[in-house]
């Protein structure tokens, strides 16, 4: 599998604020955890709307075509079991399809928080990061050299597909330079507790890189 496209990403850490007090005096406090639930409920409505959208890109069997908004990859808050929490937080990971615009999707999230704050839900967004979706033509000289090299070394014809995550090819794509992601390892175990790479695939990949470079730099010898 060759990744010639990637989803864009918007990553946020959301802080929800309240007022602390001992549980026996909770009437004097504002529970940030309960406020956070109201914030999450509004974001779940946005999640439902977002995830109705689908991509027309080539996608592997392990993926879904739907756009993505994941809530609570990380979360935390509070200081003790008997203290009304003054502060709670959680993360948002928004993965956008190539058909979607990064600035538009970020504005949609920002508008959601603007409405929440207008309704008295004290919250803030920090530690944000974003990256564009991107795609490269699979028919470029480099793409075809890579495909031929994979076929020569492995005996299998590769597929060009959309990566579910963010790739560095986006930096080249903005400059009009074809770029592709290819290497050893299985998407099904990536970032999981038992992630591994077969060393035989590492050796194969090194041979593929070398052969693709030779074919690209010396096209008359391919």
N, C-alpha and C. Protein backbone atom coordinates (compact mmCIF):
# COMPACT_ATOMS: atom_id res chain seq x y z
N UNK A 1 0.85 -1.20 0.00
CA UNK A 1 0.00 0.00 0.00
C UNK A 1 0.88 1.25 0.00
N UNK A 2 0.60 2.15 -0.92
CA UNK A 2 1.27 3.45 -0.99
C UNK A 2 0.26 4.51 -0.58
N UNK A 3 0.63 5.36 0.37
CA UNK A 3 -0.24 6.47 0.75
C UNK A 3 0.13 7.68 -0.10
N UNK A 4 -0.79 8.08 -0.99
CA UNK A 4 -0.57 9.27 -1.81
C UNK A 4 -1.49 10.42 -1.40
N UNK A 5 -2.20 10.23 -0.30
CA UNK A 5 -3.09 11.28 0.22
C UNK A 5 -3.22 11.10 1.72
N UNK A 6 -3.57 12.17 2.40
CA UNK A 6 -3.78 12.08 3.85
C UNK A 6 -4.92 12.97 4.29
N UNK A 7 -5.54 12.59 5.40
CA UNK A 7 -6.55 13.45 6.02
C UNK A 7 -5.86 14.61 6.72
N UNK A 8 -6.58 15.72 6.83
CA UNK A 8 -6.10 16.83 7.64
C UNK A 8 -6.44 16.60 9.10
N UNK A 9 -5.90 17.42 9.98
CA UNK A 9 -6.12 17.21 11.42
C UNK A 9 -6.25 18.55 12.15
N UNK A 10 -7.15 18.57 13.12
CA UNK A 10 -7.28 19.68 14.06
C UNK A 10 -7.29 19.05 15.45
N UNK A 11 -6.30 19.36 16.26
CA UNK A 11 -6.20 18.80 17.62
C UNK A 11 -6.34 19.92 18.63
N UNK A 12 -7.23 19.72 19.60
CA UNK A 12 -7.51 20.74 20.61
C UNK A 12 -7.53 20.15 22.00
N UNK A 13 -7.15 20.94 22.98
CA UNK A 13 -7.32 20.60 24.40
C UNK A 13 -8.30 21.61 24.97
N UNK A 14 -9.43 21.13 25.46
CA UNK A 14 -10.52 21.99 25.93
C UNK A 14 -10.50 22.03 27.46
N UNK A 15 -10.50 23.23 28.02
CA UNK A 15 -10.56 23.43 29.47
C UNK A 15 -11.95 23.96 29.83
N UNK A 16 -12.56 23.37 30.85
CA UNK A 16 -13.87 23.82 31.33
C UNK A 16 -13.70 24.25 32.79
N UNK A 17 -14.19 25.45 33.11
CA UNK A 17 -13.92 26.04 34.42
C UNK A 17 -15.16 26.08 35.32
N UNK A 18 -14.93 25.99 36.61
CA UNK A 18 -15.98 26.09 37.60
C UNK A 18 -15.46 26.81 38.84
N UNK A 19 -15.98 26.43 40.00
CA UNK A 19 -15.55 27.03 41.27
C UNK A 19 -15.52 25.92 42.31
N UNK A 20 -14.38 25.78 42.97
CA UNK A 20 -14.19 24.68 43.93
C UNK A 20 -14.83 24.98 45.28
N UNK A 21 -15.22 23.90 45.97
CA UNK A 21 -15.69 23.96 47.35
C UNK A 21 -15.76 22.53 47.88
N UNK A 22 -15.76 22.39 49.20
CA UNK A 22 -15.95 21.07 49.81
C UNK A 22 -17.33 20.55 49.41
N UNK A 23 -17.44 19.22 49.29
CA UNK A 23 -18.71 18.63 48.86
C UNK A 23 -19.88 19.05 49.75
N UNK A 24 -19.61 19.27 51.04
CA UNK A 24 -20.67 19.69 51.94
C UNK A 24 -21.15 21.11 51.69
N UNK A 25 -20.35 21.86 50.93
CA UNK A 25 -20.71 23.24 50.59
C UNK A 25 -20.86 23.39 49.08
N UNK A 26 -21.30 22.32 48.41
CA UNK A 26 -21.35 22.35 46.95
C UNK A 26 -22.31 23.42 46.41
N UNK A 27 -23.25 23.86 47.27
CA UNK A 27 -24.17 24.91 46.83
C UNK A 27 -23.44 26.23 46.59
N UNK A 28 -22.21 26.34 47.13
CA UNK A 28 -21.41 27.54 46.92
C UNK A 28 -20.47 27.41 45.73
N UNK A 29 -20.47 26.24 45.11
CA UNK A 29 -19.51 25.94 44.06
C UNK A 29 -20.16 25.88 42.68
N UNK A 30 -19.33 25.73 41.66
CA UNK A 30 -19.78 25.46 40.29
C UNK A 30 -18.99 24.24 39.82
N UNK A 31 -19.71 23.18 39.46
CA UNK A 31 -19.08 21.90 39.15
C UNK A 31 -18.60 21.88 37.69
N UNK A 32 -17.27 21.94 37.53
CA UNK A 32 -16.69 21.95 36.18
C UNK A 32 -16.96 20.64 35.44
N UNK A 33 -17.04 19.55 36.16
CA UNK A 33 -17.32 18.25 35.52
C UNK A 33 -18.71 18.25 34.88
N UNK A 34 -19.70 18.77 35.61
CA UNK A 34 -21.05 18.83 35.07
C UNK A 34 -21.12 19.80 33.89
N UNK A 35 -20.39 20.90 33.99
CA UNK A 35 -20.32 21.83 32.86
C UNK A 35 -19.68 21.15 31.65
N UNK A 36 -18.66 20.35 31.91
CA UNK A 36 -17.97 19.67 30.82
C UNK A 36 -18.93 18.74 30.07
N UNK A 37 -19.84 18.10 30.80
CA UNK A 37 -20.81 17.23 30.15
C UNK A 37 -21.71 18.01 29.20
N UNK A 38 -22.06 19.24 29.57
CA UNK A 38 -22.89 20.06 28.68
C UNK A 38 -22.10 20.45 27.43
N UNK A 39 -20.82 20.73 27.62
CA UNK A 39 -19.95 21.05 26.47
C UNK A 39 -19.83 19.84 25.54
N UNK A 40 -19.60 18.68 26.14
CA UNK A 40 -19.46 17.45 25.35
C UNK A 40 -20.75 17.14 24.60
N UNK A 41 -21.90 17.36 25.24
CA UNK A 41 -23.19 17.08 24.59
C UNK A 41 -23.34 17.93 23.32
N UNK A 42 -22.93 19.20 23.41
CA UNK A 42 -23.01 20.06 22.21
C UNK A 42 -22.04 19.58 21.14
N UNK A 43 -20.86 19.14 21.54
CA UNK A 43 -19.88 18.66 20.58
C UNK A 43 -20.30 17.33 19.97
N UNK A 44 -21.05 16.53 20.71
CA UNK A 44 -21.55 15.28 20.15
C UNK A 44 -22.55 15.54 19.02
N UNK A 45 -23.29 16.63 19.14
CA UNK A 45 -24.20 17.01 18.05
C UNK A 45 -23.39 17.38 16.81
N UNK A 46 -22.29 18.12 17.01
CA UNK A 46 -21.41 18.45 15.89
C UNK A 46 -20.76 17.20 15.33
N UNK A 47 -20.36 16.29 16.19
CA UNK A 47 -19.76 15.02 15.76
C UNK A 47 -20.72 14.24 14.86
N UNK A 48 -21.98 14.17 15.26
CA UNK A 48 -22.97 13.45 14.45
C UNK A 48 -23.10 14.08 13.07
N UNK A 49 -23.09 15.41 13.03
CA UNK A 49 -23.22 16.11 11.74
C UNK A 49 -21.98 15.87 10.88
N UNK A 50 -20.81 16.02 11.47
CA UNK A 50 -19.54 15.87 10.74
C UNK A 50 -19.39 14.47 10.16
N UNK A 51 -19.75 13.47 10.95
CA UNK A 51 -19.47 12.10 10.55
C UNK A 51 -20.49 11.53 9.57
N UNK A 52 -21.40 12.37 9.09
CA UNK A 52 -22.26 11.99 7.97
C UNK A 52 -21.54 12.21 6.64
N UNK A 53 -20.48 12.99 6.65
CA UNK A 53 -19.75 13.30 5.42
C UNK A 53 -18.81 12.17 5.06
N UNK A 54 -18.67 11.91 3.77
CA UNK A 54 -17.80 10.82 3.31
C UNK A 54 -16.84 11.32 2.25
N UNK A 55 -15.76 10.57 2.06
CA UNK A 55 -14.74 10.91 1.06
C UNK A 55 -14.89 9.99 -0.16
N UNK A 56 -14.49 10.53 -1.30
CA UNK A 56 -14.47 9.74 -2.53
C UNK A 56 -13.07 9.18 -2.81
N UNK A 57 -12.13 9.42 -1.91
CA UNK A 57 -10.76 8.94 -2.10
C UNK A 57 -10.70 7.42 -2.00
N UNK A 58 -9.64 6.84 -2.56
CA UNK A 58 -9.43 5.40 -2.42
C UNK A 58 -9.06 5.10 -0.98
N UNK A 59 -9.83 4.23 -0.35
CA UNK A 59 -9.66 3.96 1.08
C UNK A 59 -9.58 2.45 1.31
N UNK A 60 -8.66 2.04 2.20
CA UNK A 60 -8.48 0.62 2.49
C UNK A 60 -9.65 0.04 3.26
N UNK A 61 -9.71 -1.29 3.26
CA UNK A 61 -10.82 -2.00 3.89
C UNK A 61 -10.91 -1.72 5.39
N UNK A 62 -9.78 -1.38 6.03
CA UNK A 62 -9.78 -1.16 7.48
C UNK A 62 -10.33 0.22 7.85
N UNK A 63 -10.46 1.09 6.87
CA UNK A 63 -10.91 2.44 7.14
C UNK A 63 -12.40 2.61 6.83
N UNK A 64 -12.94 3.73 7.30
CA UNK A 64 -14.28 4.16 6.92
C UNK A 64 -14.15 5.45 6.12
N UNK A 65 -15.13 5.72 5.26
CA UNK A 65 -15.08 6.91 4.42
C UNK A 65 -15.53 8.17 5.17
N UNK A 66 -16.10 7.98 6.35
CA UNK A 66 -16.67 9.11 7.09
C UNK A 66 -15.59 10.03 7.64
N UNK A 67 -15.90 11.31 7.66
CA UNK A 67 -15.05 12.27 8.33
C UNK A 67 -15.07 11.95 9.83
N UNK A 68 -14.14 12.51 10.59
CA UNK A 68 -13.93 12.06 11.99
C UNK A 68 -13.88 13.24 12.95
N UNK A 69 -14.58 13.08 14.08
CA UNK A 69 -14.42 13.98 15.22
C UNK A 69 -14.42 13.12 16.47
N UNK A 70 -13.25 12.92 17.06
CA UNK A 70 -13.14 12.07 18.25
C UNK A 70 -13.04 12.94 19.50
N UNK A 71 -13.83 12.61 20.50
CA UNK A 71 -13.84 13.34 21.77
C UNK A 71 -13.19 12.51 22.86
N UNK A 72 -12.39 13.16 23.71
CA UNK A 72 -11.91 12.50 24.92
C UNK A 72 -10.80 11.50 24.74
N UNK A 73 -9.96 11.70 23.74
CA UNK A 73 -8.78 10.84 23.65
C UNK A 73 -7.97 10.89 24.94
N UNK A 74 -7.93 12.08 25.52
CA UNK A 74 -7.38 12.29 26.87
C UNK A 74 -8.37 13.16 27.63
N UNK A 75 -8.43 12.96 28.95
CA UNK A 75 -9.31 13.78 29.77
C UNK A 75 -8.84 13.74 31.21
N UNK A 76 -9.28 14.72 32.01
CA UNK A 76 -8.91 14.73 33.42
C UNK A 76 -9.56 15.91 34.14
N UNK A 77 -9.25 16.05 35.43
CA UNK A 77 -9.77 17.17 36.19
C UNK A 77 -10.01 16.82 37.63
N UNK A 78 -10.32 17.85 38.40
CA UNK A 78 -10.60 17.66 39.82
C UNK A 78 -9.35 17.51 40.65
N UNK A 79 -9.51 17.69 41.98
CA UNK A 79 -8.37 17.58 42.88
C UNK A 79 -8.54 16.49 43.93
N UNK A 80 -9.80 16.13 44.26
CA UNK A 80 -10.04 15.08 45.25
C UNK A 80 -11.50 14.64 45.15
N UNK A 81 -11.78 13.44 45.71
CA UNK A 81 -13.13 12.89 45.59
C UNK A 81 -14.18 13.72 46.32
N UNK A 82 -13.75 14.49 47.32
CA UNK A 82 -14.72 15.24 48.13
C UNK A 82 -14.66 16.75 47.88
N UNK A 83 -14.11 17.12 46.72
CA UNK A 83 -14.03 18.54 46.37
C UNK A 83 -14.72 18.75 45.03
N UNK A 84 -15.62 19.72 44.97
CA UNK A 84 -16.26 20.06 43.69
C UNK A 84 -15.16 20.49 42.71
N UNK A 85 -15.09 19.86 41.54
CA UNK A 85 -13.99 20.16 40.62
C UNK A 85 -14.06 21.58 40.06
N UNK A 86 -12.93 22.26 40.14
CA UNK A 86 -12.82 23.63 39.65
C UNK A 86 -12.45 23.67 38.17
N UNK A 87 -11.82 22.59 37.71
CA UNK A 87 -11.32 22.58 36.35
C UNK A 87 -11.38 21.16 35.79
N UNK A 88 -11.88 20.99 34.59
CA UNK A 88 -11.84 19.71 33.89
C UNK A 88 -11.39 19.95 32.46
N UNK A 89 -10.85 18.93 31.83
CA UNK A 89 -10.36 19.11 30.47
C UNK A 89 -10.49 17.81 29.67
N UNK A 90 -10.52 17.95 28.36
CA UNK A 90 -10.52 16.81 27.47
C UNK A 90 -9.99 17.25 26.11
N UNK A 91 -9.66 16.30 25.27
CA UNK A 91 -9.11 16.61 23.96
C UNK A 91 -10.12 16.33 22.85
N UNK A 92 -9.94 17.03 21.74
CA UNK A 92 -10.69 16.81 20.51
C UNK A 92 -9.69 16.49 19.41
N UNK A 93 -9.97 15.46 18.64
CA UNK A 93 -9.15 15.14 17.46
C UNK A 93 -10.07 15.11 16.25
N UNK A 94 -9.99 16.12 15.42
CA UNK A 94 -10.84 16.25 14.23
C UNK A 94 -10.02 15.90 13.00
N UNK A 95 -10.38 14.84 12.30
CA UNK A 95 -9.68 14.43 11.08
C UNK A 95 -10.57 14.74 9.87
N UNK A 96 -10.07 15.58 8.98
CA UNK A 96 -10.89 16.04 7.86
C UNK A 96 -10.51 15.31 6.57
N UNK A 97 -11.51 15.02 5.76
CA UNK A 97 -11.29 14.37 4.47
C UNK A 97 -10.72 15.37 3.46
N UNK A 98 -10.10 14.87 2.39
CA UNK A 98 -9.52 15.77 1.39
C UNK A 98 -10.53 16.74 0.78
N UNK A 99 -11.81 16.35 0.76
CA UNK A 99 -12.84 17.23 0.18
C UNK A 99 -13.21 18.39 1.10
N UNK A 100 -12.77 18.36 2.35
CA UNK A 100 -13.11 19.40 3.32
C UNK A 100 -11.98 20.42 3.42
N UNK A 101 -12.34 21.64 3.82
CA UNK A 101 -11.38 22.73 3.94
C UNK A 101 -10.99 22.93 5.41
N UNK A 102 -9.69 22.98 5.67
CA UNK A 102 -9.19 23.06 7.05
C UNK A 102 -9.71 24.31 7.77
N UNK A 103 -9.62 25.48 7.13
CA UNK A 103 -10.05 26.72 7.77
C UNK A 103 -11.55 26.70 8.07
N UNK A 104 -12.34 26.16 7.13
CA UNK A 104 -13.78 26.08 7.34
C UNK A 104 -14.13 25.18 8.51
N UNK A 105 -13.46 24.03 8.60
CA UNK A 105 -13.75 23.08 9.68
C UNK A 105 -13.31 23.63 11.03
N UNK A 106 -12.19 24.35 11.05
CA UNK A 106 -11.74 24.95 12.32
C UNK A 106 -12.72 26.03 12.76
N UNK A 107 -13.22 26.81 11.81
CA UNK A 107 -14.22 27.85 12.14
C UNK A 107 -15.49 27.23 12.70
N UNK A 108 -15.85 26.04 12.19
CA UNK A 108 -17.06 25.36 12.67
C UNK A 108 -16.90 24.98 14.14
N UNK A 109 -15.73 24.48 14.51
CA UNK A 109 -15.47 24.13 15.91
C UNK A 109 -15.46 25.40 16.77
N UNK A 110 -14.82 26.46 16.27
CA UNK A 110 -14.75 27.72 17.02
C UNK A 110 -16.15 28.29 17.26
N UNK A 111 -17.03 28.21 16.25
CA UNK A 111 -18.40 28.71 16.42
C UNK A 111 -19.15 27.92 17.49
N UNK A 112 -18.87 26.62 17.54
CA UNK A 112 -19.50 25.78 18.56
C UNK A 112 -19.13 26.26 19.96
N UNK A 113 -17.86 26.59 20.17
CA UNK A 113 -17.43 27.07 21.48
C UNK A 113 -17.96 28.46 21.77
N UNK A 114 -18.09 29.28 20.73
CA UNK A 114 -18.66 30.60 20.92
C UNK A 114 -20.09 30.52 21.44
N UNK A 115 -20.88 29.59 20.90
CA UNK A 115 -22.27 29.40 21.35
C UNK A 115 -22.31 28.88 22.78
N UNK A 116 -21.39 27.99 23.12
CA UNK A 116 -21.35 27.44 24.48
C UNK A 116 -21.04 28.52 25.50
N UNK A 117 -20.06 29.37 25.17
CA UNK A 117 -19.68 30.44 26.11
C UNK A 117 -20.81 31.46 26.24
N UNK A 118 -21.54 31.70 25.15
CA UNK A 118 -22.66 32.64 25.20
C UNK A 118 -23.76 32.14 26.13
N UNK A 119 -23.83 30.81 26.31
CA UNK A 119 -24.85 30.21 27.18
C UNK A 119 -24.34 30.03 28.62
N UNK A 120 -23.17 30.59 28.91
CA UNK A 120 -22.66 30.56 30.27
C UNK A 120 -21.79 29.37 30.61
N UNK A 121 -21.41 28.58 29.63
CA UNK A 121 -20.51 27.45 29.88
C UNK A 121 -19.07 27.93 29.73
N UNK A 122 -18.45 28.25 30.85
CA UNK A 122 -17.11 28.82 30.84
C UNK A 122 -16.11 27.78 30.37
N UNK A 123 -15.52 28.02 29.21
CA UNK A 123 -14.57 27.06 28.66
C UNK A 123 -13.54 27.79 27.82
N UNK A 124 -12.43 27.14 27.57
CA UNK A 124 -11.37 27.71 26.75
C UNK A 124 -10.67 26.62 25.97
N UNK A 125 -10.01 27.00 24.90
CA UNK A 125 -9.31 26.05 24.05
C UNK A 125 -7.83 26.39 24.05
N UNK A 126 -6.99 25.40 24.34
CA UNK A 126 -5.55 25.61 24.32
C UNK A 126 -4.85 24.44 23.66
N UNK A 127 -3.54 24.57 23.49
CA UNK A 127 -2.72 23.52 22.90
C UNK A 127 -3.29 23.01 21.59
N UNK A 128 -3.68 23.94 20.71
CA UNK A 128 -4.27 23.52 19.44
C UNK A 128 -3.19 23.32 18.39
N UNK A 129 -3.45 22.42 17.46
CA UNK A 129 -2.56 22.17 16.34
C UNK A 129 -3.40 21.79 15.14
N UNK A 130 -2.91 22.08 13.94
CA UNK A 130 -3.68 21.78 12.74
C UNK A 130 -2.75 21.45 11.59
N UNK A 131 -3.24 20.63 10.66
CA UNK A 131 -2.49 20.28 9.46
C UNK A 131 -3.44 20.01 8.32
N UNK A 132 -3.07 20.40 7.12
CA UNK A 132 -3.92 20.26 5.96
C UNK A 132 -3.98 18.83 5.43
N UNK A 133 -5.09 18.50 4.81
CA UNK A 133 -5.14 17.28 4.01
C UNK A 133 -4.34 17.53 2.73
N UNK A 134 -3.97 16.46 2.05
CA UNK A 134 -3.16 16.60 0.84
C UNK A 134 -3.32 15.37 -0.03
N UNK A 135 -3.00 15.52 -1.31
CA UNK A 135 -2.99 14.36 -2.20
C UNK A 135 -2.02 14.60 -3.34
N UNK A 136 -1.45 13.51 -3.86
CA UNK A 136 -0.52 13.56 -4.98
C UNK A 136 -0.99 12.58 -6.05
N UNK A 137 -0.78 12.94 -7.30
CA UNK A 137 -1.19 12.11 -8.42
C UNK A 137 -0.40 10.80 -8.42
N UNK A 138 -1.10 9.69 -8.43
CA UNK A 138 -0.41 8.40 -8.43
C UNK A 138 0.31 8.13 -9.74
N UNK A 139 0.01 8.91 -10.78
CA UNK A 139 0.62 8.68 -12.08
C UNK A 139 1.92 9.42 -12.31
N UNK A 140 2.44 10.12 -11.30
CA UNK A 140 3.71 10.84 -11.48
C UNK A 140 4.86 9.86 -11.68
N UNK A 141 5.98 10.37 -12.20
CA UNK A 141 7.15 9.51 -12.45
C UNK A 141 7.62 8.84 -11.16
N UNK A 142 7.63 9.59 -10.06
CA UNK A 142 8.05 9.02 -8.78
C UNK A 142 7.08 7.97 -8.29
N UNK A 143 5.77 8.28 -8.40
CA UNK A 143 4.77 7.32 -7.95
C UNK A 143 4.85 6.01 -8.71
N UNK A 144 5.04 6.09 -10.01
CA UNK A 144 5.12 4.88 -10.82
C UNK A 144 6.43 4.12 -10.59
N UNK A 145 7.52 4.87 -10.35
CA UNK A 145 8.79 4.22 -10.04
C UNK A 145 8.68 3.45 -8.72
N UNK A 146 8.02 4.05 -7.74
CA UNK A 146 7.82 3.39 -6.46
C UNK A 146 6.96 2.14 -6.62
N UNK A 147 5.89 2.26 -7.40
CA UNK A 147 5.00 1.12 -7.62
C UNK A 147 5.73 -0.03 -8.32
N UNK A 148 6.52 0.30 -9.35
CA UNK A 148 7.28 -0.74 -10.05
C UNK A 148 8.28 -1.41 -9.12
N UNK A 149 8.94 -0.61 -8.28
CA UNK A 149 9.95 -1.15 -7.37
C UNK A 149 9.32 -2.10 -6.35
N UNK A 150 8.14 -1.75 -5.87
CA UNK A 150 7.42 -2.63 -4.93
C UNK A 150 7.09 -3.95 -5.62
N UNK A 151 6.62 -3.87 -6.86
CA UNK A 151 6.29 -5.08 -7.60
C UNK A 151 7.51 -5.95 -7.84
N UNK A 152 8.65 -5.32 -8.15
CA UNK A 152 9.88 -6.07 -8.40
C UNK A 152 10.36 -6.80 -7.16
N UNK A 153 10.33 -6.12 -6.02
CA UNK A 153 10.88 -6.69 -4.79
C UNK A 153 9.92 -7.67 -4.13
N UNK A 154 8.65 -7.35 -4.11
CA UNK A 154 7.68 -8.19 -3.37
C UNK A 154 6.89 -9.14 -4.27
N UNK A 155 6.82 -8.84 -5.55
CA UNK A 155 6.01 -9.65 -6.46
C UNK A 155 4.54 -9.28 -6.45
N UNK A 156 4.16 -8.25 -5.68
CA UNK A 156 2.76 -7.82 -5.58
C UNK A 156 2.59 -6.41 -6.12
N UNK A 157 1.48 -6.16 -6.78
CA UNK A 157 1.17 -4.81 -7.27
C UNK A 157 0.61 -3.99 -6.11
N UNK A 158 1.17 -2.81 -5.83
CA UNK A 158 0.68 -2.01 -4.70
C UNK A 158 -0.61 -1.26 -5.03
N UNK A 159 -1.30 -0.81 -3.97
CA UNK A 159 -2.49 0.03 -4.10
C UNK A 159 -2.14 1.44 -3.60
N UNK A 160 -2.70 2.44 -4.26
CA UNK A 160 -2.59 3.82 -3.80
C UNK A 160 -3.83 4.12 -2.97
N UNK A 161 -3.63 4.63 -1.72
CA UNK A 161 -4.76 4.86 -0.83
C UNK A 161 -4.57 6.13 0.00
N UNK A 162 -5.69 6.55 0.59
CA UNK A 162 -5.70 7.67 1.53
C UNK A 162 -5.24 7.19 2.90
N UNK A 163 -4.29 7.90 3.50
CA UNK A 163 -3.86 7.60 4.87
C UNK A 163 -4.89 8.16 5.85
N UNK A 164 -5.27 7.40 6.89
CA UNK A 164 -6.25 7.91 7.85
C UNK A 164 -5.69 9.01 8.74
N UNK A 165 -4.36 9.14 8.78
CA UNK A 165 -3.74 10.14 9.64
C UNK A 165 -3.11 11.26 8.84
N UNK A 166 -2.25 12.02 9.50
CA UNK A 166 -1.56 13.17 8.92
C UNK A 166 -0.20 12.71 8.41
N UNK A 167 0.20 13.19 7.23
CA UNK A 167 1.48 12.81 6.65
C UNK A 167 2.30 14.04 6.28
N UNK A 168 3.62 13.86 6.25
CA UNK A 168 4.51 14.96 5.84
C UNK A 168 4.41 15.25 4.35
N UNK A 169 3.74 14.38 3.58
CA UNK A 169 3.60 14.67 2.15
C UNK A 169 2.86 15.97 1.92
N UNK A 170 2.12 16.45 2.94
CA UNK A 170 1.35 17.69 2.78
C UNK A 170 2.28 18.88 2.55
N UNK A 171 3.48 18.85 3.12
CA UNK A 171 4.40 19.97 2.94
C UNK A 171 4.90 20.04 1.50
N UNK A 172 5.11 18.88 0.89
CA UNK A 172 5.54 18.84 -0.51
C UNK A 172 4.38 19.20 -1.44
N UNK A 173 3.18 18.72 -1.11
CA UNK A 173 2.02 18.97 -1.96
C UNK A 173 1.76 20.47 -2.11
N UNK A 174 1.97 21.24 -1.04
CA UNK A 174 1.75 22.69 -1.13
C UNK A 174 2.72 23.35 -2.10
N UNK A 175 3.86 22.68 -2.37
CA UNK A 175 4.85 23.19 -3.31
C UNK A 175 4.72 22.55 -4.70
N UNK A 176 3.68 21.71 -4.86
CA UNK A 176 3.48 21.05 -6.14
C UNK A 176 4.46 19.93 -6.42
N UNK A 177 5.05 19.38 -5.36
CA UNK A 177 6.04 18.30 -5.51
C UNK A 177 5.40 16.98 -5.12
N UNK A 178 5.38 15.99 -6.04
CA UNK A 178 4.81 14.68 -5.69
C UNK A 178 5.56 14.04 -4.52
N UNK A 179 4.82 13.48 -3.59
CA UNK A 179 5.42 12.81 -2.44
C UNK A 179 4.51 11.67 -2.00
N UNK A 180 5.11 10.61 -1.47
CA UNK A 180 4.35 9.42 -1.11
C UNK A 180 4.89 8.85 0.20
N UNK A 181 4.03 8.15 0.92
CA UNK A 181 4.44 7.48 2.15
C UNK A 181 4.35 5.97 1.92
N UNK A 182 5.46 5.30 2.16
CA UNK A 182 5.49 3.85 2.01
C UNK A 182 6.53 3.28 2.97
N UNK A 183 6.18 2.17 3.61
CA UNK A 183 7.15 1.56 4.51
C UNK A 183 6.62 0.29 5.13
N UNK A 184 7.41 -0.34 5.98
CA UNK A 184 7.00 -1.59 6.63
C UNK A 184 6.03 -1.32 7.77
N UNK A 185 5.34 -2.36 8.21
CA UNK A 185 4.43 -2.23 9.34
C UNK A 185 2.98 -2.34 8.92
N UNK A 186 2.12 -2.67 9.88
CA UNK A 186 0.70 -2.88 9.64
C UNK A 186 -0.12 -1.77 10.29
N UNK A 187 -1.04 -1.18 9.52
CA UNK A 187 -1.92 -0.15 10.08
C UNK A 187 -2.77 -0.71 11.22
N UNK A 188 -3.11 -1.99 11.14
CA UNK A 188 -3.99 -2.60 12.15
C UNK A 188 -3.37 -2.64 13.54
N UNK A 189 -2.03 -2.55 13.65
CA UNK A 189 -1.39 -2.58 14.97
C UNK A 189 -0.70 -1.26 15.30
N UNK A 190 -0.78 -0.28 14.39
CA UNK A 190 -0.10 0.99 14.61
C UNK A 190 -0.65 1.71 15.84
N UNK A 191 0.25 2.25 16.66
CA UNK A 191 -0.08 3.01 17.88
C UNK A 191 -0.82 2.17 18.91
N UNK A 192 -0.81 0.86 18.77
CA UNK A 192 -1.48 -0.02 19.73
C UNK A 192 -0.50 -0.60 20.73
N UNK A 193 -1.00 -1.36 21.70
CA UNK A 193 -0.13 -1.90 22.77
C UNK A 193 0.85 -2.95 22.27
N UNK A 194 0.54 -3.62 21.16
CA UNK A 194 1.42 -4.66 20.64
C UNK A 194 1.95 -4.30 19.26
N UNK A 195 2.26 -3.03 19.06
CA UNK A 195 2.78 -2.58 17.77
C UNK A 195 4.12 -3.27 17.48
N UNK A 196 4.30 -3.68 16.24
CA UNK A 196 5.55 -4.35 15.86
C UNK A 196 5.78 -4.15 14.36
N UNK A 197 7.03 -4.39 13.93
CA UNK A 197 7.38 -4.38 12.52
C UNK A 197 8.24 -5.61 12.25
N UNK A 198 7.87 -6.34 11.22
CA UNK A 198 8.63 -7.52 10.80
C UNK A 198 9.93 -7.04 10.15
N UNK A 199 11.08 -7.50 10.66
CA UNK A 199 12.37 -7.04 10.14
C UNK A 199 12.57 -7.41 8.68
N UNK A 200 11.94 -8.48 8.22
CA UNK A 200 12.05 -8.83 6.80
C UNK A 200 11.41 -7.75 5.95
N UNK A 201 10.34 -7.14 6.45
CA UNK A 201 9.70 -6.05 5.71
C UNK A 201 10.55 -4.79 5.71
N UNK A 202 11.31 -4.58 6.78
CA UNK A 202 12.23 -3.45 6.83
C UNK A 202 13.29 -3.59 5.74
N UNK A 203 13.84 -4.80 5.60
CA UNK A 203 14.86 -5.05 4.57
C UNK A 203 14.27 -4.88 3.17
N UNK A 204 13.06 -5.40 2.97
CA UNK A 204 12.38 -5.24 1.68
C UNK A 204 12.18 -3.76 1.36
N UNK A 205 11.75 -3.01 2.35
CA UNK A 205 11.49 -1.59 2.13
C UNK A 205 12.76 -0.84 1.75
N UNK A 206 13.87 -1.19 2.39
CA UNK A 206 15.15 -0.54 2.06
C UNK A 206 15.52 -0.80 0.60
N UNK A 207 15.29 -2.04 0.14
CA UNK A 207 15.57 -2.38 -1.26
C UNK A 207 14.65 -1.61 -2.20
N UNK A 208 13.39 -1.46 -1.81
CA UNK A 208 12.41 -0.73 -2.64
C UNK A 208 12.80 0.73 -2.75
N UNK A 209 13.19 1.35 -1.62
CA UNK A 209 13.62 2.75 -1.65
C UNK A 209 14.79 2.93 -2.61
N UNK A 210 15.77 2.04 -2.50
CA UNK A 210 16.97 2.16 -3.35
C UNK A 210 16.61 2.00 -4.82
N UNK A 211 15.79 1.01 -5.13
CA UNK A 211 15.42 0.76 -6.52
C UNK A 211 14.59 1.91 -7.08
N UNK A 212 13.67 2.45 -6.27
CA UNK A 212 12.86 3.59 -6.72
C UNK A 212 13.73 4.81 -6.97
N UNK A 213 14.72 5.03 -6.13
CA UNK A 213 15.64 6.16 -6.32
C UNK A 213 16.44 6.01 -7.61
N UNK A 214 16.92 4.79 -7.86
CA UNK A 214 17.68 4.53 -9.09
C UNK A 214 16.82 4.78 -10.32
N UNK A 215 15.58 4.29 -10.29
CA UNK A 215 14.69 4.46 -11.44
C UNK A 215 14.31 5.92 -11.65
N UNK A 216 14.17 6.65 -10.56
CA UNK A 216 13.77 8.07 -10.68
C UNK A 216 14.93 8.92 -11.18
N UNK A 217 16.13 8.64 -10.69
CA UNK A 217 17.30 9.44 -11.05
C UNK A 217 17.91 9.02 -12.38
N UNK A 218 17.63 7.77 -12.78
CA UNK A 218 18.15 7.25 -14.05
C UNK A 218 17.01 6.61 -14.83
N UNK A 219 16.05 7.41 -15.31
CA UNK A 219 14.85 6.85 -15.94
C UNK A 219 15.15 5.97 -17.15
N UNK A 220 16.26 6.19 -17.84
CA UNK A 220 16.57 5.38 -19.02
C UNK A 220 17.01 3.97 -18.66
N UNK A 221 17.34 3.74 -17.37
CA UNK A 221 17.80 2.42 -16.94
C UNK A 221 16.68 1.63 -16.26
N UNK A 222 15.48 2.21 -16.13
CA UNK A 222 14.39 1.52 -15.44
C UNK A 222 13.78 0.45 -16.31
